[in-house]
PDB file of N, CA and C in Angstrom:
ATOM      1  N   MET A   1     -28.972  85.481 -18.629  1.00  0.00           N
ATOM      2  CA  MET A   1     -30.189  85.668 -17.870  1.00  0.00           C
ATOM      3  C   MET A   1     -31.244  84.703 -18.402  1.00  0.00           C
ATOM      4  N   SER A   2     -31.933  84.044 -17.500  1.00  0.00           N
ATOM      5  CA  SER A   2     -32.978  83.097 -17.917  1.00  0.00           C
ATOM      6  C   SER A   2     -34.212  83.859 -18.402  1.00  0.00           C
ATOM      7  N   LEU A   3     -35.033  83.178 -19.176  1.00  0.00           N
ATOM      8  CA  LEU A   3     -36.266  83.779 -19.666  1.00  0.00           C
ATOM      9  C   LEU A   3     -37.184  84.169 -18.510  1.00  0.00           C
ATOM     10  N   GLU A   4     -37.247  83.334 -17.486  1.00  0.00           N
ATOM     11  CA  GLU A   4     -38.088  83.632 -16.322  1.00  0.00           C
ATOM     12  C   GLU A   4     -37.651  84.926 -15.640  1.00  0.00           C
ATOM     13  N   VAL A   5     -36.358  85.072 -15.408  1.00  0.00           N
ATOM     14  CA  VAL A   5     -35.837  86.288 -14.772  1.00  0.00           C
ATOM     15  C   VAL A   5     -36.130  87.496 -15.654  1.00  0.00           C
ATOM     16  N   PHE A   6     -35.906  87.358 -16.957  1.00  0.00           N
ATOM     17  CA  PHE A   6     -36.175  88.451 -17.886  1.00  0.00           C
ATOM     18  C   PHE A   6     -37.642  88.881 -17.824  1.00  0.00           C
ATOM     19  N   LEU A   7     -38.560  87.907 -17.871  1.00  0.00           N
ATOM     20  CA  LEU A   7     -39.991  88.223 -17.848  1.00  0.00           C
ATOM     21  C   LEU A   7     -40.393  88.910 -16.557  1.00  0.00           C
ATOM     22  N   LYS A   8     -39.866  88.436 -15.434  1.00  0.00           N
ATOM     23  CA  LYS A   8     -40.205  89.054 -14.146  1.00  0.00           C
ATOM     24  C   LYS A   8     -39.642  90.462 -14.040  1.00  0.00           C
ATOM     25  N   GLN A   9     -38.437  90.676 -14.525  1.00  0.00           N
ATOM     26  CA  GLN A   9     -37.859  92.018 -14.512  1.00  0.00           C
ATOM     27  C   GLN A   9     -38.632  92.949 -15.447  1.00  0.00           C
ATOM     28  N   ARG A  10     -39.032  92.433 -16.587  1.00  0.00           N
ATOM     29  CA  ARG A  10     -39.796  93.246 -17.540  1.00  0.00           C
ATOM     30  C   ARG A  10     -41.147  93.622 -16.959  1.00  0.00           C
ATOM     31  N   ALA A  11     -41.803  92.677 -16.306  1.00  0.00           N
ATOM     32  CA  ALA A  11     -43.095  92.967 -15.675  1.00  0.00           C
ATOM     33  C   ALA A  11     -42.934  94.057 -14.619  1.00  0.00           C
ATOM     34  N   GLN A  12     -41.884  93.969 -13.830  1.00  0.00           N
ATOM     35  CA  GLN A  12     -41.637  94.986 -12.812  1.00  0.00           C
ATOM     36  C   GLN A  12     -41.370  96.350 -13.462  1.00  0.00           C
ATOM     37  N   SER A  13     -40.611  96.360 -14.549  1.00  0.00           N
ATOM     38  CA  SER A  13     -40.317  97.630 -15.223  1.00  0.00           C
ATOM     39  C   SER A  13     -41.568  98.249 -15.828  1.00  0.00           C
ATOM     40  N   LEU A  14     -42.572  97.426 -16.111  1.00  0.00           N
ATOM     41  CA  LEU A  14     -43.836  97.927 -16.641  1.00  0.00           C
ATOM     42  C   LEU A  14     -44.803  98.349 -15.542  1.00  0.00           C
ATOM     43  N   GLY A  15     -44.390  98.178 -14.280  1.00  0.00           N
ATOM     44  CA  GLY A  15     -45.201  98.642 -13.162  1.00  0.00           C
ATOM     45  C   GLY A  15     -45.991  97.582 -12.429  1.00  0.00           C
ATOM     46  N   PHE A  16     -45.832  96.319 -12.798  1.00  0.00           N
ATOM     47  CA  PHE A  16     -46.560  95.264 -12.088  1.00  0.00           C
ATOM     48  C   PHE A  16     -45.880  94.982 -10.754  1.00  0.00           C
ATOM     49  N   ASP A  17     -46.685  94.662  -9.751  1.00  0.00           N
ATOM     50  CA  ASP A  17     -46.168  94.373  -8.416  1.00  0.00           C
ATOM     51  C   ASP A  17     -45.822  92.903  -8.231  1.00  0.00           C
ATOM     52  N   ALA A  18     -46.414  92.052  -9.028  1.00  0.00           N
ATOM     53  CA  ALA A  18     -46.162  90.612  -8.906  1.00  0.00           C
ATOM     54  C   ALA A  18     -46.159  89.977 -10.284  1.00  0.00           C
ATOM     55  N   CYS A  19     -45.313  88.981 -10.455  1.00  0.00           N
ATOM     56  CA  CYS A  19     -45.247  88.213 -11.696  1.00  0.00           C
ATOM     57  C   CYS A  19     -44.853  86.792 -11.326  1.00  0.00           C
ATOM     58  N   GLN A  20     -45.701  85.854 -11.663  1.00  0.00           N
ATOM     59  CA  GLN A  20     -45.422  84.444 -11.424  1.00  0.00           C
ATOM     60  C   GLN A  20     -45.680  83.667 -12.711  1.00  0.00           C
ATOM     61  N   ILE A  21     -44.976  82.597 -12.872  1.00  0.00           N
ATOM     62  CA  ILE A  21     -45.139  81.740 -14.031  1.00  0.00           C
ATOM     63  C   ILE A  21     -45.519  80.351 -13.522  1.00  0.00           C
ATOM     64  N   CYS A  22     -46.572  79.796 -14.092  1.00  0.00           N
ATOM     65  CA  CYS A  22     -47.030  78.481 -13.636  1.00  0.00           C
ATOM     66  C   CYS A  22     -47.365  77.598 -14.833  1.00  0.00           C
ATOM     67  N   ARG A  23     -47.513  76.323 -14.565  1.00  0.00           N
ATOM     68  CA  ARG A  23     -47.894  75.378 -15.612  1.00  0.00           C
ATOM     69  C   ARG A  23     -49.323  75.682 -16.051  1.00  0.00           C
ATOM     70  N   ALA A  24     -49.581  75.553 -17.322  1.00  0.00           N
ATOM     71  CA  ALA A  24     -50.906  75.864 -17.856  1.00  0.00           C
ATOM     72  C   ALA A  24     -51.864  74.677 -17.794  1.00  0.00           C
ATOM     73  N   ASP A  25     -51.344  73.483 -17.578  1.00  0.00           N
ATOM     74  CA  ASP A  25     -52.218  72.311 -17.620  1.00  0.00           C
ATOM     75  C   ASP A  25     -52.794  71.927 -16.263  1.00  0.00           C
ATOM     76  N   GLU A  26     -52.476  72.673 -15.240  1.00  0.00           N
ATOM     77  CA  GLU A  26     -53.007  72.376 -13.906  1.00  0.00           C
ATOM     78  C   GLU A  26     -54.148  73.329 -13.576  1.00  0.00           C
ATOM     79  N   ALA A  27     -55.140  72.816 -12.881  1.00  0.00           N
ATOM     80  CA  ALA A  27     -56.254  73.665 -12.461  1.00  0.00           C
ATOM     81  C   ALA A  27     -55.748  74.713 -11.475  1.00  0.00           C
ATOM     82  N   TRP A  28     -56.284  75.907 -11.579  1.00  0.00           N
ATOM     83  CA  TRP A  28     -55.905  76.972 -10.660  1.00  0.00           C
ATOM     84  C   TRP A  28     -56.689  76.821  -9.368  1.00  0.00           C
ATOM     85  N   ALA A  29     -56.063  77.128  -8.250  1.00  0.00           N
ATOM     86  CA  ALA A  29     -56.752  77.046  -6.954  1.00  0.00           C
ATOM     87  C   ALA A  29     -57.991  77.936  -6.949  1.00  0.00           C
ATOM     88  N   ALA A  30     -57.901  79.061  -7.614  1.00  0.00           N
ATOM     89  CA  ALA A  30     -59.035  79.983  -7.647  1.00  0.00           C
ATOM     90  C   ALA A  30     -60.232  79.392  -8.387  1.00  0.00           C
ATOM     91  N   SER A  31     -59.994  78.435  -9.275  1.00  0.00           N
ATOM     92  CA  SER A  31     -61.117  77.866 -10.020  1.00  0.00           C
ATOM     93  C   SER A  31     -62.087  77.147  -9.088  1.00  0.00           C
ATOM     94  N   GLY A  32     -61.576  76.495  -8.058  1.00  0.00           N
ATOM     95  CA  GLY A  32     -62.443  75.834  -7.081  1.00  0.00           C
ATOM     96  C   GLY A  32     -63.273  76.829  -6.290  1.00  0.00           C
ATOM     97  N   ARG A  33     -62.655  77.937  -5.942  1.00  0.00           N
ATOM     98  CA  ARG A  33     -63.389  78.979  -5.209  1.00  0.00           C
ATOM     99  C   ARG A  33     -64.448  79.613  -6.101  1.00  0.00           C
ATOM    100  N   LEU A  34     -64.113  79.828  -7.362  1.00  0.00           N
ATOM    101  CA  LEU A  34     -65.085  80.389  -8.298  1.00  0.00           C
ATOM    102  C   LEU A  34     -66.250  79.426  -8.494  1.00  0.00           C
ATOM    103  N   GLU A  35     -65.950  78.139  -8.615  1.00  0.00           N
ATOM    104  CA  GLU A  35     -67.006  77.138  -8.775  1.00  0.00           C
ATOM    105  C   GLU A  35     -67.943  77.134  -7.567  1.00  0.00           C
ATOM    106  N   ALA A  36     -67.385  77.189  -6.360  1.00  0.00           N
ATOM    107  CA  ALA A  36     -68.209  77.222  -5.146  1.00  0.00           C
ATOM    108  C   ALA A  36     -69.054  78.496  -5.096  1.00  0.00           C
ATOM    109  N   PHE A  37     -68.478  79.610  -5.529  1.00  0.00           N
ATOM    110  CA  PHE A  37     -69.173  80.892  -5.564  1.00  0.00           C
ATOM    111  C   PHE A  37     -70.396  80.800  -6.480  1.00  0.00           C
ATOM    112  N   VAL A  38     -70.197  80.228  -7.659  1.00  0.00           N
ATOM    113  CA  VAL A  38     -71.291  80.102  -8.623  1.00  0.00           C
ATOM    114  C   VAL A  38     -72.320  79.084  -8.138  1.00  0.00           C
ATOM    115  N   GLU A  39     -71.861  77.950  -7.612  1.00  0.00           N
ATOM    116  CA  GLU A  39     -72.795  76.930  -7.121  1.00  0.00           C
ATOM    117  C   GLU A  39     -73.666  77.454  -5.988  1.00  0.00           C
ATOM    118  N   ALA A  40     -73.134  78.383  -5.197  1.00  0.00           N
ATOM    119  CA  ALA A  40     -73.909  78.971  -4.106  1.00  0.00           C
ATOM    120  C   ALA A  40     -74.887  80.031  -4.616  1.00  0.00           C
ATOM    121  N   GLY A  41     -74.791  80.366  -5.899  1.00  0.00           N
ATOM    122  CA  GLY A  41     -75.701  81.353  -6.467  1.00  0.00           C
ATOM    123  C   GLY A  41     -75.295  82.788  -6.230  1.00  0.00           C
ATOM    124  N   TYR A  42     -74.075  83.006  -5.763  1.00  0.00           N
ATOM    125  CA  TYR A  42     -73.617  84.360  -5.460  1.00  0.00           C
ATOM    126  C   TYR A  42     -73.388  85.222  -6.704  1.00  0.00           C
ATOM    127  N   HIS A  43     -73.376  84.594  -7.867  1.00  0.00           N
ATOM    128  CA  HIS A  43     -73.147  85.349  -9.101  1.00  0.00           C
ATOM    129  C   HIS A  43     -74.394  86.092  -9.573  1.00  0.00           C
ATOM    130  N   GLY A  44     -75.533  85.848  -8.929  1.00  0.00           N
ATOM    131  CA  GLY A  44     -76.760  86.584  -9.229  1.00  0.00           C
ATOM    132  C   GLY A  44     -77.167  86.473 -10.686  1.00  0.00           C
ATOM    133  N   ASP A  45     -77.371  87.615 -11.329  1.00  0.00           N
ATOM    134  CA  ASP A  45     -77.804  87.665 -12.724  1.00  0.00           C
ATOM    135  C   ASP A  45     -76.651  87.573 -13.717  1.00  0.00           C
ATOM    136  N   MET A  46     -75.432  87.420 -13.224  1.00  0.00           N
ATOM    137  CA  MET A  46     -74.274  87.363 -14.119  1.00  0.00           C
ATOM    138  C   MET A  46     -74.123  85.930 -14.642  1.00  0.00           C
ATOM    139  N   THR A  47     -75.011  85.535 -15.533  1.00  0.00           N
ATOM    140  CA  THR A  47     -75.037  84.160 -16.039  1.00  0.00           C
ATOM    141  C   THR A  47     -73.767  83.791 -16.794  1.00  0.00           C
ATOM    142  N   TRP A  48     -73.053  84.777 -17.308  1.00  0.00           N
ATOM    143  CA  TRP A  48     -71.800  84.490 -18.019  1.00  0.00           C
ATOM    144  C   TRP A  48     -70.799  83.796 -17.108  1.00  0.00           C
ATOM    145  N   MET A  49     -70.886  84.048 -15.793  1.00  0.00           N
ATOM    146  CA  MET A  49     -69.957  83.382 -14.885  1.00  0.00           C
ATOM    147  C   MET A  49     -70.204  81.879 -14.869  1.00  0.00           C
ATOM    148  N   GLU A  50     -71.458  81.489 -14.928  1.00  0.00           N
ATOM    149  CA  GLU A  50     -71.796  80.062 -14.934  1.00  0.00           C
ATOM    150  C   GLU A  50     -71.476  79.425 -16.285  1.00  0.00           C
ATOM    151  N   THR A  51     -71.792  80.113 -17.372  1.00  0.00           N
ATOM    152  CA  THR A  51     -71.589  79.529 -18.695  1.00  0.00           C
ATOM    153  C   THR A  51     -70.116  79.463 -19.104  1.00  0.00           C
ATOM    154  N   THR A  52     -69.264  80.256 -18.484  1.00  0.00           N
ATOM    155  CA  THR A  52     -67.832  80.226 -18.828  1.00  0.00           C
ATOM    156  C   THR A  52     -66.987  79.585 -17.735  1.00  0.00           C
ATOM    157  N   LEU A  53     -67.620  78.980 -16.768  1.00  0.00           N
ATOM    158  CA  LEU A  53     -66.912  78.417 -15.616  1.00  0.00           C
ATOM    159  C   LEU A  53     -65.870  77.368 -16.025  1.00  0.00           C
ATOM    160  N   GLU A  54     -66.228  76.439 -16.861  1.00  0.00           N
ATOM    161  CA  GLU A  54     -65.308  75.368 -17.241  1.00  0.00           C
ATOM    162  C   GLU A  54     -64.088  75.902 -17.978  1.00  0.00           C
ATOM    163  N   ARG A  55     -64.286  76.786 -18.916  1.00  0.00           N
ATOM    164  CA  ARG A  55     -63.144  77.263 -19.700  1.00  0.00           C
ATOM    165  C   ARG A  55     -62.224  78.178 -18.908  1.00  0.00           C
ATOM    166  N   ARG A  56     -62.686  78.661 -17.762  1.00  0.00           N
ATOM    167  CA  ARG A  56     -61.821  79.487 -16.922  1.00  0.00           C
ATOM    168  C   ARG A  56     -61.210  78.704 -15.768  1.00  0.00           C
ATOM    169  N   SER A  57     -61.341  77.385 -15.783  1.00  0.00           N
ATOM    170  CA  SER A  57     -60.801  76.563 -14.698  1.00  0.00           C
ATOM    171  C   SER A  57     -59.294  76.357 -14.807  1.00  0.00           C
ATOM    172  N   ARG A  58     -58.771  76.391 -16.031  1.00  0.00           N
ATOM    173  CA  ARG A  58     -57.331  76.233 -16.276  1.00  0.00           C
ATOM    174  C   ARG A  58     -57.046  76.791 -17.664  1.00  0.00           C
ATOM    175  N   PRO A  59     -55.871  77.293 -17.905  1.00  0.00           N
ATOM    176  CA  PRO A  59     -55.567  77.908 -19.203  1.00  0.00           C
ATOM    177  C   PRO A  59     -55.775  76.982 -20.394  1.00  0.00           C
ATOM    178  N   THR A  60     -55.463  75.691 -20.255  1.00  0.00           N
ATOM    179  CA  THR A  60     -55.588  74.798 -21.406  1.00  0.00           C
ATOM    180  C   THR A  60     -57.045  74.529 -21.784  1.00  0.00           C
ATOM    181  N   ALA A  61     -57.972  74.920 -20.937  1.00  0.00           N
ATOM    182  CA  ALA A  61     -59.379  74.789 -21.305  1.00  0.00           C
ATOM    183  C   ALA A  61     -59.733  75.780 -22.411  1.00  0.00           C
ATOM    184  N   MET A  62     -59.006  76.874 -22.514  1.00  0.00           N
ATOM    185  CA  MET A  62     -59.222  77.850 -23.591  1.00  0.00           C
ATOM    186  C   MET A  62     -58.162  77.740 -24.675  1.00  0.00           C
ATOM    187  N   TRP A  63     -56.938  77.459 -24.273  1.00  0.00           N
ATOM    188  CA  TRP A  63     -55.813  77.384 -25.206  1.00  0.00           C
ATOM    189  C   TRP A  63     -55.143  76.026 -25.018  1.00  0.00           C
ATOM    190  N   SER A  64     -55.543  75.053 -25.794  1.00  0.00           N
ATOM    191  CA  SER A  64     -55.098  73.667 -25.588  1.00  0.00           C
ATOM    192  C   SER A  64     -53.590  73.494 -25.739  1.00  0.00           C
ATOM    193  N   ASP A  65     -52.930  74.335 -26.503  1.00  0.00           N
ATOM    194  CA  ASP A  65     -51.486  74.203 -26.702  1.00  0.00           C
ATOM    195  C   ASP A  65     -50.643  74.967 -25.682  1.00  0.00           C
ATOM    196  N   ALA A  66     -51.280  75.660 -24.757  1.00  0.00           N
ATOM    197  CA  ALA A  66     -50.537  76.459 -23.776  1.00  0.00           C
ATOM    198  C   ALA A  66     -49.673  75.558 -22.900  1.00  0.00           C
ATOM    199  N   LYS A  67     -48.465  75.992 -22.612  1.00  0.00           N
ATOM    200  CA  LYS A  67     -47.549  75.246 -21.747  1.00  0.00           C
ATOM    201  C   LYS A  67     -47.392  75.931 -20.395  1.00  0.00           C
ATOM    202  N   SER A  68     -47.378  77.261 -20.411  1.00  0.00           N
ATOM    203  CA  SER A  68     -47.184  78.050 -19.189  1.00  0.00           C
ATOM    204  C   SER A  68     -48.132  79.239 -19.200  1.00  0.00           C
ATOM    205  N   ALA A  69     -48.349  79.788 -18.025  1.00  0.00           N
ATOM    206  CA  ALA A  69     -49.163  80.996 -17.890  1.00  0.00           C
ATOM    207  C   ALA A  69     -48.369  82.018 -17.084  1.00  0.00           C
ATOM    208  N   ILE A  70     -48.374  83.234 -17.556  1.00  0.00           N
ATOM    209  CA  ILE A  70     -47.752  84.332 -16.818  1.00  0.00           C
ATOM    210  C   ILE A  70     -48.882  85.063 -16.109  1.00  0.00           C
ATOM    211  N   VAL A  71     -48.798  85.112 -14.797  1.00  0.00           N
ATOM    212  CA  VAL A  71     -49.837  85.723 -13.986  1.00  0.00           C
ATOM    213  C   VAL A  71     -49.265  86.997 -13.380  1.00  0.00           C
ATOM    214  N   LEU A  72     -49.926  88.121 -13.667  1.00  0.00           N
ATOM    215  CA  LEU A  72     -49.445  89.419 -13.210  1.00  0.00           C
ATOM    216  C   LEU A  72     -50.381  89.989 -12.154  1.00  0.00           C
ATOM    217  N   GLY A  73     -49.805  90.742 -11.225  1.00  0.00           N
ATOM    218  CA  GLY A  73     -50.600  91.399 -10.199  1.00  0.00           C
ATOM    219  C   GLY A  73     -50.238  92.864 -10.103  1.00  0.00           C
ATOM    220  N   LEU A  74     -51.254  93.668  -9.827  1.00  0.00           N
ATOM    221  CA  LEU A  74     -51.056  95.102  -9.707  1.00  0.00           C
ATOM    222  C   LEU A  74     -51.853  95.607  -8.517  1.00  0.00           C
ATOM    223  N   ASN A  75     -51.167  96.168  -7.550  1.00  0.00           N
ATOM    224  CA  ASN A  75     -51.829  96.727  -6.374  1.00  0.00           C
ATOM    225  C   ASN A  75     -52.338  98.117  -6.733  1.00  0.00           C
ATOM    226  N   TYR A  76     -53.650  98.264  -6.752  1.00  0.00           N
ATOM    227  CA  TYR A  76     -54.228  99.563  -7.080  1.00  0.00           C
ATOM    228  C   TYR A  76     -54.872 100.211  -5.851  1.00  0.00           C
ATOM    229  N   GLY A  77     -54.537  99.679  -4.681  1.00  0.00           N
ATOM    230  CA  GLY A  77     -55.078 100.231  -3.447  1.00  0.00           C
ATOM    231  C   GLY A  77     -54.388 101.532  -3.054  1.00  0.00           C
ATOM    232  N   PRO A  78     -55.013 102.284  -2.168  1.00  0.00           N
ATOM    233  CA  PRO A  78     -54.416 103.541  -1.717  1.00  0.00           C
ATOM    234  C   PRO A  78     -53.213 103.292  -0.799  1.00  0.00           C
ATOM    235  N   ASP A  79     -52.478 104.333  -0.523  1.00  0.00           N
ATOM    236  CA  ASP A  79     -51.298 104.230   0.340  1.00  0.00           C
ATOM    237  C   ASP A  79     -51.655 104.179   1.827  1.00  0.00           C
ATOM    238  N   TYR A  80     -52.933 104.201   2.130  1.00  0.00           N
ATOM    239  CA  TYR A  80     -53.390 104.158   3.522  1.00  0.00           C
ATOM    240  C   TYR A  80     -54.424 103.037   3.659  1.00  0.00           C
ATOM    241  N   ASN A  81     -54.777 102.699   4.869  1.00  0.00           N
ATOM    242  CA  ASN A  81     -55.763 101.646   5.109  1.00  0.00           C
ATOM    243  C   ASN A  81     -57.169 102.233   4.960  1.00  0.00           C
ATOM    244  N   PRO A  82     -57.885 101.903   3.893  1.00  0.00           N
ATOM    245  CA  PRO A  82     -59.209 102.488   3.679  1.00  0.00           C
ATOM    246  C   PRO A  82     -60.280 101.954   4.629  1.00  0.00           C
ATOM    247  N   MET A  83     -59.984 100.908   5.358  1.00  0.00           N
ATOM    248  CA  MET A  83     -60.976 100.323   6.263  1.00  0.00           C
ATOM    249  C   MET A  83     -61.358 101.271   7.398  1.00  0.00           C
ATOM    250  N   VAL A  84     -60.509 102.247   7.710  1.00  0.00           N
ATOM    251  CA  VAL A  84     -60.838 103.203   8.773  1.00  0.00           C
ATOM    252  C   VAL A  84     -62.082 104.010   8.426  1.00  0.00           C
ATOM    253  N   HIS A  85     -62.369 104.152   7.137  1.00  0.00           N
ATOM    254  CA  HIS A  85     -63.554 104.901   6.722  1.00  0.00           C
ATOM    255  C   HIS A  85     -64.844 104.210   7.147  1.00  0.00           C
ATOM    256  N   LEU A  86     -64.797 102.897   7.334  1.00  0.00           N
ATOM    257  CA  LEU A  86     -65.996 102.158   7.732  1.00  0.00           C
ATOM    258  C   LEU A  86     -66.447 102.521   9.140  1.00  0.00           C
ATOM    259  N   GLU A  87     -65.559 103.101   9.923  1.00  0.00           N
ATOM    260  CA  GLU A  87     -65.917 103.507  11.279  1.00  0.00           C
ATOM    261  C   GLU A  87     -66.838 104.722  11.268  1.00  0.00           C
ATOM    262  N   ARG A  88     -66.817 105.493  10.209  1.00  0.00           N
ATOM    263  CA  ARG A  88     -67.674 106.682  10.081  1.00  0.00           C
ATOM    264  C   ARG A  88     -69.005 106.253   9.471  1.00  0.00           C
ATOM    265  N   ARG A  89     -69.950 105.896  10.313  1.00  0.00           N
ATOM    266  CA  ARG A  89     -71.223 105.347   9.869  1.00  0.00           C
ATOM    267  C   ARG A  89     -72.105 106.372   9.153  1.00  0.00           C
ATOM    268  N   SER A  90     -71.837 107.652   9.313  1.00  0.00           N
ATOM    269  CA  SER A  90     -72.673 108.676   8.680  1.00  0.00           C
ATOM    270  C   SER A  90     -72.225 108.964   7.244  1.00  0.00           C
ATOM    271  N   GLU A  91     -71.164 108.296   6.771  1.00  0.00           N
ATOM    272  CA  GLU A  91     -70.651 108.531   5.421  1.00  0.00           C
ATOM    273  C   GLU A  91     -70.701 107.231   4.633  1.00  0.00           C
ATOM    274  N   GLY A  92     -70.833 107.353   3.331  1.00  0.00           N
ATOM    275  CA  GLY A  92     -70.826 106.201   2.449  1.00  0.00           C
ATOM    276  C   GLY A  92     -69.415 105.964   1.901  1.00  0.00           C
ATOM    277  N   ASN A  93     -69.166 104.778   1.429  1.00  0.00           N
ATOM    278  CA  ASN A  93     -67.884 104.433   0.824  1.00  0.00           C
ATOM    279  C   ASN A  93     -68.114 103.942  -0.587  1.00  0.00           C
ATOM    280  N   ILE A  94     -67.309 104.425  -1.496  1.00  0.00           N
ATOM    281  CA  ILE A  94     -67.405 104.038  -2.895  1.00  0.00           C
ATOM    282  C   ILE A  94     -66.057 103.496  -3.339  1.00  0.00           C
ATOM    283  N   SER A  95     -66.078 102.319  -3.918  1.00  0.00           N
ATOM    284  CA  SER A  95     -64.842 101.736  -4.456  1.00  0.00           C
ATOM    285  C   SER A  95     -64.705 102.187  -5.897  1.00  0.00           C
ATOM    286  N   PHE A  96     -63.515 102.611  -6.248  1.00  0.00           N
ATOM    287  CA  PHE A  96     -63.280 103.017  -7.641  1.00  0.00           C
ATOM    288  C   PHE A  96     -61.937 102.558  -8.100  1.00  0.00           C
TER     289      PHE A  96
END
């Protein structure tokens, strides 16, 4: 069994819904979206987003010796479509 297969199976056994392995020296697509978000001022008073923007653009910006990154995903949404609650205008919605 390859290391990649082992890691993905282990992630699944731990309850993760997604596991991908990527090169650590390439910029993440999300880094561009985060940069645009911050440049537009959408981060508000969360100045840490602006001050840590560069080091969160790619893994090697924080860990220069990194070769790969394991990216895990976990679906924590409900078993139903919560958007139906938005139709009830007399009630509030709270994300938790």
